[in-house]
Amino acid sequence: MQKSHSFFSLLIALLVFVSCQSDNDPVVNSQQLTIDSVTINHTQLRQGVRLHPVAVDSATIRIFFSSNIDASKLDASLLFVNSMNNSTFQAQASSNPRELVLKATRKLNYLSTYRLYIQAGANLGQSIADNYEYSFVTQLDSTDKFERIPDDSLLTRI
């Protein structure tokens, strides 16, 4: 009788313990987030390779991750675009849960280098595994800087 009493007590304690667990406990993802690809204006960016020329009128960077992200949890100190002229890029919503879109908020400077930094650590509701760096150079300004001299006038101006 003693054994069955302690068995039932243990069974009741186990049932109480299991039934008291919350269904709302956050699920911890043990996988680390990696970057599958990065594009700017539909052209692939690669680490260690500087892409040029990139149009200055509109620049859209798309970062594709290995799993779903929460763009509302973006830590801009760990994922940003840096340049000499401090041009700003703003994160925008995407219908793809694995994509983060960064759009230039103003026209970029001509013939300037921009770098996209993605640092390892907690960001976007996940843990980014490694540091990433991508760079690109904007196009050359093709507008005339001086008045054009017609071919006929070239000899008379010398």
N, C-alpha and C. Protein backbone atom coordinates (compact mmCIF):
# COMPACT_ATOMS: atom_id res chain seq x y z
N MET A 1 0.82 -1.19 0.00
CA MET A 1 0.00 0.00 0.00
C MET A 1 0.86 1.25 0.00
N GLN A 2 1.97 1.18 0.72
CA GLN A 2 2.90 2.31 0.83
C GLN A 2 3.47 2.65 -0.54
N LYS A 3 3.85 1.60 -1.35
CA LYS A 3 4.44 1.82 -2.66
C LYS A 3 3.43 2.45 -3.62
N SER A 4 2.21 1.97 -3.60
CA SER A 4 1.20 2.52 -4.52
C SER A 4 0.84 3.95 -4.13
N HIS A 5 0.86 4.26 -2.84
CA HIS A 5 0.57 5.62 -2.38
C HIS A 5 1.65 6.60 -2.86
N SER A 6 2.91 6.21 -2.74
CA SER A 6 4.00 7.09 -3.18
C SER A 6 4.02 7.18 -4.72
N PHE A 7 3.63 6.10 -5.41
CA PHE A 7 3.58 6.14 -6.87
C PHE A 7 2.53 7.13 -7.33
N PHE A 8 1.32 7.08 -6.70
CA PHE A 8 0.26 8.00 -7.07
C PHE A 8 0.61 9.43 -6.70
N SER A 9 1.30 9.64 -5.63
CA SER A 9 1.74 10.99 -5.25
C SER A 9 2.71 11.55 -6.27
N LEU A 10 3.62 10.72 -6.72
CA LEU A 10 4.59 11.13 -7.73
C LEU A 10 3.88 11.42 -9.05
N LEU A 11 2.92 10.60 -9.41
CA LEU A 11 2.17 10.80 -10.64
C LEU A 11 1.37 12.10 -10.59
N ILE A 12 0.74 12.40 -9.48
CA ILE A 12 -0.04 13.64 -9.33
C ILE A 12 0.89 14.85 -9.38
N ALA A 13 2.03 14.77 -8.72
CA ALA A 13 2.99 15.88 -8.74
C ALA A 13 3.48 16.13 -10.16
N LEU A 14 3.74 15.08 -10.92
CA LEU A 14 4.20 15.21 -12.30
C LEU A 14 3.11 15.84 -13.17
N LEU A 15 1.86 15.44 -13.00
CA LEU A 15 0.76 16.01 -13.76
C LEU A 15 0.57 17.50 -13.45
N VAL A 16 0.69 17.86 -12.19
CA VAL A 16 0.56 19.27 -11.80
C VAL A 16 1.68 20.08 -12.44
N PHE A 17 2.89 19.58 -12.41
CA PHE A 17 4.04 20.28 -12.97
C PHE A 17 3.87 20.49 -14.47
N VAL A 18 3.46 19.45 -15.20
CA VAL A 18 3.30 19.53 -16.65
C VAL A 18 2.13 20.44 -17.00
N SER A 19 1.06 20.39 -16.25
CA SER A 19 -0.12 21.20 -16.57
C SER A 19 0.09 22.67 -16.25
N CYS A 20 1.06 23.01 -15.43
CA CYS A 20 1.32 24.40 -15.07
C CYS A 20 2.23 25.11 -16.06
N GLN A 21 2.78 24.40 -17.03
CA GLN A 21 3.65 25.07 -18.00
C GLN A 21 2.81 25.95 -18.90
N SER A 22 3.36 27.10 -19.26
CA SER A 22 2.66 28.05 -20.11
C SER A 22 2.85 27.69 -21.57
N ASP A 23 1.79 27.83 -22.35
CA ASP A 23 1.89 27.61 -23.79
C ASP A 23 2.51 28.82 -24.48
N ASN A 24 2.62 29.95 -23.77
CA ASN A 24 3.14 31.18 -24.36
C ASN A 24 4.63 31.36 -24.16
N ASP A 25 5.32 30.32 -23.66
CA ASP A 25 6.76 30.45 -23.49
C ASP A 25 7.39 30.66 -24.86
N PRO A 26 8.35 31.61 -24.97
CA PRO A 26 8.96 31.84 -26.28
C PRO A 26 9.78 30.63 -26.73
N VAL A 27 9.72 30.42 -28.02
CA VAL A 27 10.49 29.33 -28.59
C VAL A 27 11.88 29.87 -28.90
N VAL A 28 12.89 29.24 -28.38
CA VAL A 28 14.25 29.69 -28.60
C VAL A 28 14.79 28.97 -29.82
N ASN A 29 15.26 29.75 -30.78
CA ASN A 29 15.82 29.19 -32.00
C ASN A 29 17.31 29.00 -31.78
N SER A 30 17.77 27.77 -31.80
CA SER A 30 19.17 27.50 -31.55
C SER A 30 20.02 27.73 -32.80
N GLN A 31 19.39 27.86 -33.95
CA GLN A 31 20.15 28.12 -35.17
C GLN A 31 20.54 29.58 -35.23
N GLN A 32 21.73 29.83 -35.78
CA GLN A 32 22.15 31.21 -35.95
C GLN A 32 21.80 31.66 -37.36
N LEU A 33 21.48 32.93 -37.46
CA LEU A 33 21.07 33.54 -38.72
C LEU A 33 22.29 33.82 -39.58
N THR A 34 22.22 33.44 -40.84
CA THR A 34 23.28 33.75 -41.80
C THR A 34 22.66 34.48 -42.98
N ILE A 35 23.52 35.05 -43.81
CA ILE A 35 23.05 35.79 -44.97
C ILE A 35 23.18 34.91 -46.21
N ASP A 36 22.07 34.75 -46.90
CA ASP A 36 22.09 33.97 -48.14
C ASP A 36 22.60 34.81 -49.31
N SER A 37 22.10 36.05 -49.43
CA SER A 37 22.55 36.92 -50.51
C SER A 37 22.19 38.37 -50.21
N VAL A 38 22.89 39.27 -50.90
CA VAL A 38 22.64 40.70 -50.80
C VAL A 38 22.65 41.26 -52.21
N THR A 39 21.63 42.07 -52.54
CA THR A 39 21.58 42.71 -53.85
C THR A 39 21.39 44.21 -53.68
N ILE A 40 21.88 44.96 -54.66
CA ILE A 40 21.57 46.39 -54.73
C ILE A 40 21.07 46.64 -56.15
N ASN A 41 19.88 47.19 -56.23
CA ASN A 41 19.23 47.43 -57.53
C ASN A 41 19.28 46.18 -58.41
N HIS A 42 19.00 45.04 -57.83
CA HIS A 42 18.91 43.73 -58.50
C HIS A 42 20.26 43.18 -58.97
N THR A 43 21.36 43.73 -58.48
CA THR A 43 22.69 43.21 -58.80
C THR A 43 23.30 42.64 -57.54
N GLN A 44 23.84 41.43 -57.66
CA GLN A 44 24.41 40.71 -56.52
C GLN A 44 25.64 41.42 -55.96
N LEU A 45 25.67 41.59 -54.62
CA LEU A 45 26.87 42.07 -53.93
C LEU A 45 27.59 40.87 -53.33
N ARG A 46 28.92 40.91 -53.35
CA ARG A 46 29.71 39.84 -52.76
C ARG A 46 30.69 40.44 -51.77
N GLN A 47 30.94 39.70 -50.69
CA GLN A 47 31.90 40.16 -49.69
C GLN A 47 33.28 40.25 -50.31
N GLY A 48 33.98 41.33 -50.01
CA GLY A 48 35.35 41.49 -50.51
C GLY A 48 35.45 41.99 -51.93
N VAL A 49 34.32 42.17 -52.61
CA VAL A 49 34.32 42.66 -53.99
C VAL A 49 33.51 43.95 -54.03
N ARG A 50 34.13 45.01 -54.53
CA ARG A 50 33.44 46.30 -54.61
C ARG A 50 32.68 46.37 -55.94
N LEU A 51 31.39 46.58 -55.85
CA LEU A 51 30.54 46.68 -57.03
C LEU A 51 30.49 48.13 -57.50
N HIS A 52 30.63 48.35 -58.81
CA HIS A 52 30.46 49.69 -59.37
C HIS A 52 30.11 49.56 -60.84
N PRO A 53 29.48 50.49 -61.46
CA PRO A 53 28.87 51.67 -60.86
C PRO A 53 27.43 51.41 -60.43
N VAL A 54 27.02 52.05 -59.38
CA VAL A 54 25.64 51.95 -58.88
C VAL A 54 24.97 53.29 -59.12
N ALA A 55 23.74 53.27 -59.62
CA ALA A 55 23.00 54.49 -59.91
C ALA A 55 22.78 55.30 -58.63
N VAL A 56 22.87 56.62 -58.75
CA VAL A 56 22.72 57.48 -57.58
C VAL A 56 21.28 57.87 -57.31
N ASP A 57 20.42 57.77 -58.31
CA ASP A 57 19.04 58.24 -58.18
C ASP A 57 18.20 57.41 -57.23
N SER A 58 18.40 56.12 -57.26
CA SER A 58 17.63 55.26 -56.35
C SER A 58 18.47 54.02 -56.05
N ALA A 59 18.65 53.77 -54.78
CA ALA A 59 19.41 52.60 -54.37
C ALA A 59 18.55 51.80 -53.40
N THR A 60 18.34 50.54 -53.73
CA THR A 60 17.58 49.64 -52.87
C THR A 60 18.43 48.41 -52.60
N ILE A 61 18.75 48.19 -51.33
CA ILE A 61 19.53 47.03 -50.91
C ILE A 61 18.57 46.00 -50.35
N ARG A 62 18.70 44.77 -50.81
CA ARG A 62 17.88 43.67 -50.33
C ARG A 62 18.80 42.62 -49.71
N ILE A 63 18.53 42.31 -48.44
CA ILE A 63 19.33 41.32 -47.72
C ILE A 63 18.45 40.10 -47.49
N PHE A 64 18.90 38.95 -47.97
CA PHE A 64 18.14 37.72 -47.82
C PHE A 64 18.83 36.84 -46.78
N PHE A 65 18.08 36.45 -45.75
CA PHE A 65 18.60 35.69 -44.62
C PHE A 65 18.25 34.21 -44.74
N SER A 66 18.90 33.39 -43.92
CA SER A 66 18.71 31.94 -43.95
C SER A 66 17.39 31.50 -43.32
N SER A 67 16.78 32.36 -42.50
CA SER A 67 15.49 32.02 -41.90
C SER A 67 14.70 33.31 -41.69
N ASN A 68 13.46 33.17 -41.23
CA ASN A 68 12.58 34.32 -41.04
C ASN A 68 13.17 35.30 -40.03
N ILE A 69 12.93 36.59 -40.29
CA ILE A 69 13.40 37.65 -39.41
C ILE A 69 12.22 38.49 -38.94
N ASP A 70 12.44 39.28 -37.91
CA ASP A 70 11.45 40.23 -37.42
C ASP A 70 12.04 41.62 -37.64
N ALA A 71 11.65 42.26 -38.73
CA ALA A 71 12.21 43.57 -39.10
C ALA A 71 11.92 44.64 -38.05
N SER A 72 10.88 44.45 -37.24
CA SER A 72 10.57 45.43 -36.20
C SER A 72 11.61 45.41 -35.08
N LYS A 73 12.44 44.37 -35.03
CA LYS A 73 13.47 44.25 -34.00
C LYS A 73 14.86 44.59 -34.55
N LEU A 74 14.90 45.41 -35.59
CA LEU A 74 16.17 45.82 -36.20
C LEU A 74 16.96 46.69 -35.23
N ASP A 75 18.20 46.31 -34.98
CA ASP A 75 19.14 47.12 -34.21
C ASP A 75 20.05 47.81 -35.22
N ALA A 76 19.76 49.09 -35.49
CA ALA A 76 20.48 49.83 -36.53
C ALA A 76 21.95 50.03 -36.20
N SER A 77 22.34 49.82 -34.95
CA SER A 77 23.76 49.96 -34.61
C SER A 77 24.56 48.73 -35.05
N LEU A 78 23.87 47.65 -35.41
CA LEU A 78 24.54 46.42 -35.84
C LEU A 78 24.35 46.12 -37.32
N LEU A 79 23.51 46.90 -37.99
CA LEU A 79 23.25 46.71 -39.41
C LEU A 79 23.03 48.09 -40.01
N PHE A 80 24.01 48.58 -40.76
CA PHE A 80 23.91 49.95 -41.27
C PHE A 80 24.76 50.13 -42.51
N VAL A 81 24.48 51.23 -43.25
CA VAL A 81 25.27 51.61 -44.40
C VAL A 81 26.05 52.85 -44.00
N ASN A 82 27.36 52.79 -44.20
CA ASN A 82 28.24 53.89 -43.81
C ASN A 82 28.89 54.47 -45.06
N SER A 83 29.03 55.77 -45.09
CA SER A 83 29.70 56.41 -46.21
C SER A 83 30.36 57.68 -45.71
N MET A 84 31.18 58.27 -46.55
CA MET A 84 31.86 59.50 -46.18
C MET A 84 30.86 60.66 -46.01
N ASN A 85 29.75 60.61 -46.71
CA ASN A 85 28.79 61.71 -46.66
C ASN A 85 27.59 61.41 -45.78
N ASN A 86 27.64 60.33 -45.02
CA ASN A 86 26.57 59.96 -44.08
C ASN A 86 25.19 59.87 -44.71
N SER A 87 25.13 59.35 -45.92
CA SER A 87 23.85 59.13 -46.58
C SER A 87 23.03 58.15 -45.75
N THR A 88 21.75 58.34 -45.72
CA THR A 88 20.92 57.49 -44.88
C THR A 88 20.13 56.49 -45.70
N PHE A 89 20.03 55.30 -45.16
CA PHE A 89 19.19 54.25 -45.71
C PHE A 89 18.16 53.90 -44.65
N GLN A 90 16.94 53.62 -45.08
CA GLN A 90 15.86 53.32 -44.15
C GLN A 90 15.33 51.92 -44.43
N ALA A 91 15.11 51.16 -43.36
CA ALA A 91 14.54 49.81 -43.49
C ALA A 91 13.06 49.91 -43.84
N GLN A 92 12.63 49.03 -44.74
CA GLN A 92 11.24 48.99 -45.16
C GLN A 92 10.71 47.58 -45.06
N ALA A 93 9.41 47.48 -44.93
CA ALA A 93 8.75 46.17 -44.82
C ALA A 93 8.84 45.42 -46.15
N SER A 94 8.90 44.10 -46.03
CA SER A 94 8.92 43.25 -47.21
C SER A 94 7.90 42.15 -47.02
N SER A 95 7.33 41.68 -48.11
CA SER A 95 6.36 40.58 -48.01
C SER A 95 7.07 39.24 -47.78
N ASN A 96 8.38 39.21 -48.05
CA ASN A 96 9.18 38.00 -47.82
C ASN A 96 9.69 38.01 -46.38
N PRO A 97 9.34 37.02 -45.55
CA PRO A 97 9.76 37.04 -44.15
C PRO A 97 11.26 36.81 -43.94
N ARG A 98 11.99 36.48 -45.00
CA ARG A 98 13.44 36.28 -44.89
C ARG A 98 14.22 37.44 -45.50
N GLU A 99 13.54 38.53 -45.81
CA GLU A 99 14.18 39.64 -46.52
C GLU A 99 14.08 40.94 -45.72
N LEU A 100 15.18 41.69 -45.72
CA LEU A 100 15.19 43.05 -45.17
C LEU A 100 15.54 43.98 -46.32
N VAL A 101 14.73 45.04 -46.49
CA VAL A 101 14.94 46.00 -47.57
C VAL A 101 15.43 47.31 -46.97
N LEU A 102 16.53 47.82 -47.51
CA LEU A 102 17.06 49.13 -47.12
C LEU A 102 17.00 50.03 -48.34
N LYS A 103 16.33 51.16 -48.19
CA LYS A 103 16.15 52.08 -49.32
C LYS A 103 16.78 53.41 -48.98
N ALA A 104 17.51 53.98 -49.94
CA ALA A 104 18.13 55.29 -49.75
C ALA A 104 17.03 56.33 -49.61
N THR A 105 17.17 57.20 -48.62
CA THR A 105 16.15 58.23 -48.38
C THR A 105 16.40 59.48 -49.21
N ARG A 106 17.58 59.56 -49.82
CA ARG A 106 17.88 60.68 -50.72
C ARG A 106 18.87 60.21 -51.77
N LYS A 107 19.07 61.04 -52.77
CA LYS A 107 20.00 60.73 -53.85
C LYS A 107 21.41 60.54 -53.28
N LEU A 108 22.10 59.52 -53.75
CA LEU A 108 23.46 59.26 -53.31
C LEU A 108 24.43 60.21 -54.03
N ASN A 109 25.61 60.39 -53.46
CA ASN A 109 26.63 61.22 -54.10
C ASN A 109 27.30 60.45 -55.22
N TYR A 110 27.71 61.18 -56.23
CA TYR A 110 28.44 60.57 -57.34
C TYR A 110 29.82 60.11 -56.88
N LEU A 111 30.31 59.06 -57.49
CA LEU A 111 31.65 58.52 -57.30
C LEU A 111 32.03 58.47 -55.81
N SER A 112 31.17 57.84 -55.03
CA SER A 112 31.39 57.68 -53.59
C SER A 112 31.31 56.20 -53.22
N THR A 113 32.10 55.82 -52.21
CA THR A 113 32.09 54.45 -51.72
C THR A 113 31.14 54.33 -50.54
N TYR A 114 30.31 53.32 -50.57
CA TYR A 114 29.37 53.02 -49.49
C TYR A 114 29.66 51.61 -49.01
N ARG A 115 29.51 51.40 -47.71
CA ARG A 115 29.73 50.08 -47.13
C ARG A 115 28.52 49.67 -46.30
N LEU A 116 28.08 48.44 -46.50
CA LEU A 116 27.01 47.85 -45.70
C LEU A 116 27.67 46.95 -44.67
N TYR A 117 27.44 47.26 -43.40
CA TYR A 117 28.00 46.47 -42.30
C TYR A 117 26.87 45.70 -41.62
N ILE A 118 27.08 44.42 -41.42
CA ILE A 118 26.15 43.59 -40.66
C ILE A 118 27.00 42.89 -39.62
N GLN A 119 26.80 43.24 -38.36
CA GLN A 119 27.64 42.71 -37.30
C GLN A 119 26.97 41.54 -36.60
N ALA A 120 27.80 40.60 -36.14
CA ALA A 120 27.31 39.42 -35.43
C ALA A 120 26.66 39.83 -34.12
N GLY A 121 25.66 39.08 -33.72
CA GLY A 121 24.99 39.33 -32.45
C GLY A 121 23.48 39.29 -32.59
N ALA A 122 22.79 39.63 -31.52
CA ALA A 122 21.33 39.60 -31.50
C ALA A 122 20.77 40.75 -32.32
N ASN A 123 20.00 40.40 -33.34
CA ASN A 123 19.38 41.40 -34.20
C ASN A 123 18.25 40.74 -34.99
N LEU A 124 17.24 41.50 -35.30
CA LEU A 124 16.11 41.04 -36.11
C LEU A 124 15.40 39.85 -35.49
N GLY A 125 15.43 39.74 -34.16
CA GLY A 125 14.77 38.65 -33.47
C GLY A 125 15.52 37.34 -33.54
N GLN A 126 16.74 37.36 -34.01
CA GLN A 126 17.58 36.16 -34.15
C GLN A 126 18.99 36.49 -33.65
N SER A 127 19.89 35.57 -33.85
CA SER A 127 21.30 35.80 -33.54
C SER A 127 22.08 35.65 -34.84
N ILE A 128 22.67 36.75 -35.30
CA ILE A 128 23.45 36.72 -36.54
C ILE A 128 24.81 36.09 -36.23
N ALA A 129 25.19 35.11 -37.03
CA ALA A 129 26.35 34.27 -36.73
C ALA A 129 27.68 34.99 -36.94
N ASP A 130 27.84 35.72 -38.04
CA ASP A 130 29.14 36.29 -38.40
C ASP A 130 29.00 37.76 -38.78
N ASN A 131 30.16 38.42 -38.88
CA ASN A 131 30.21 39.79 -39.40
C ASN A 131 30.23 39.72 -40.92
N TYR A 132 29.54 40.67 -41.55
CA TYR A 132 29.50 40.75 -43.00
C TYR A 132 29.79 42.20 -43.40
N GLU A 133 30.48 42.36 -44.53
CA GLU A 133 30.73 43.70 -45.07
C GLU A 133 30.65 43.64 -46.59
N TYR A 134 29.87 44.55 -47.16
CA TYR A 134 29.72 44.65 -48.60
C TYR A 134 29.98 46.11 -48.98
N SER A 135 30.56 46.33 -50.15
CA SER A 135 30.80 47.72 -50.56
C SER A 135 30.42 47.93 -52.02
N PHE A 136 30.09 49.17 -52.32
CA PHE A 136 29.76 49.54 -53.70
C PHE A 136 30.14 51.00 -53.92
N VAL A 137 30.35 51.34 -55.19
CA VAL A 137 30.73 52.70 -55.59
C VAL A 137 29.66 53.21 -56.53
N THR A 138 29.26 54.45 -56.33
CA THR A 138 28.24 55.04 -57.19
C THR A 138 28.86 55.50 -58.51
N GLN A 139 28.00 55.77 -59.45
CA GLN A 139 28.41 56.12 -60.81
C GLN A 139 29.11 57.47 -60.86
N LEU A 140 29.83 57.68 -61.95
CA LEU A 140 30.50 58.94 -62.22
C LEU A 140 29.47 59.95 -62.72
N ASP A 141 29.61 61.19 -62.33
CA ASP A 141 28.72 62.26 -62.79
C ASP A 141 29.08 62.58 -64.24
N SER A 142 28.18 62.30 -65.15
CA SER A 142 28.47 62.47 -66.57
C SER A 142 28.04 63.82 -67.13
N THR A 143 27.55 64.70 -66.28
CA THR A 143 27.15 66.02 -66.79
C THR A 143 28.38 66.86 -67.10
N ASP A 144 28.25 67.75 -68.06
CA ASP A 144 29.36 68.63 -68.46
C ASP A 144 29.72 69.57 -67.32
N LYS A 145 31.02 69.73 -67.12
CA LYS A 145 31.50 70.65 -66.08
C LYS A 145 31.90 72.00 -66.67
N PHE A 146 32.19 72.00 -67.96
CA PHE A 146 32.56 73.21 -68.69
C PHE A 146 31.75 73.26 -69.97
N GLU A 147 31.72 74.42 -70.58
CA GLU A 147 30.96 74.52 -71.82
C GLU A 147 31.63 73.69 -72.90
N ARG A 148 30.84 73.14 -73.79
CA ARG A 148 31.36 72.34 -74.89
C ARG A 148 31.89 73.25 -75.98
N ILE A 149 33.02 72.86 -76.54
CA ILE A 149 33.61 73.63 -77.64
C ILE A 149 33.39 72.84 -78.92
N PRO A 150 32.74 73.45 -79.90
CA PRO A 150 32.53 72.74 -81.17
C PRO A 150 33.88 72.47 -81.85
N ASP A 151 33.93 71.44 -82.66
CA ASP A 151 35.16 71.07 -83.37
C ASP A 151 35.70 72.24 -84.20
N ASP A 152 34.82 73.04 -84.82
CA ASP A 152 35.26 74.16 -85.67
C ASP A 152 36.04 75.20 -84.85
N SER A 153 35.67 75.37 -83.59
CA SER A 153 36.28 76.40 -82.77
C SER A 153 37.54 75.95 -82.04
N LEU A 154 37.86 74.68 -82.11
CA LEU A 154 38.99 74.17 -81.38
C LEU A 154 40.31 74.86 -81.79
N LEU A 155 40.52 75.01 -83.09
CA LEU A 155 41.78 75.61 -83.56
C LEU A 155 41.84 77.10 -83.29
N THR A 156 40.74 77.78 -83.31
CA THR A 156 40.76 79.22 -83.07
C THR A 156 40.94 79.56 -81.59
N ARG A 157 40.67 78.63 -80.72
CA ARG A 157 40.80 78.89 -79.27
C ARG A 157 42.18 78.59 -78.73
N ILE A 158 43.00 77.96 -79.52
CA ILE A 158 44.32 77.59 -79.02
C ILE A 158 45.30 78.74 -79.14
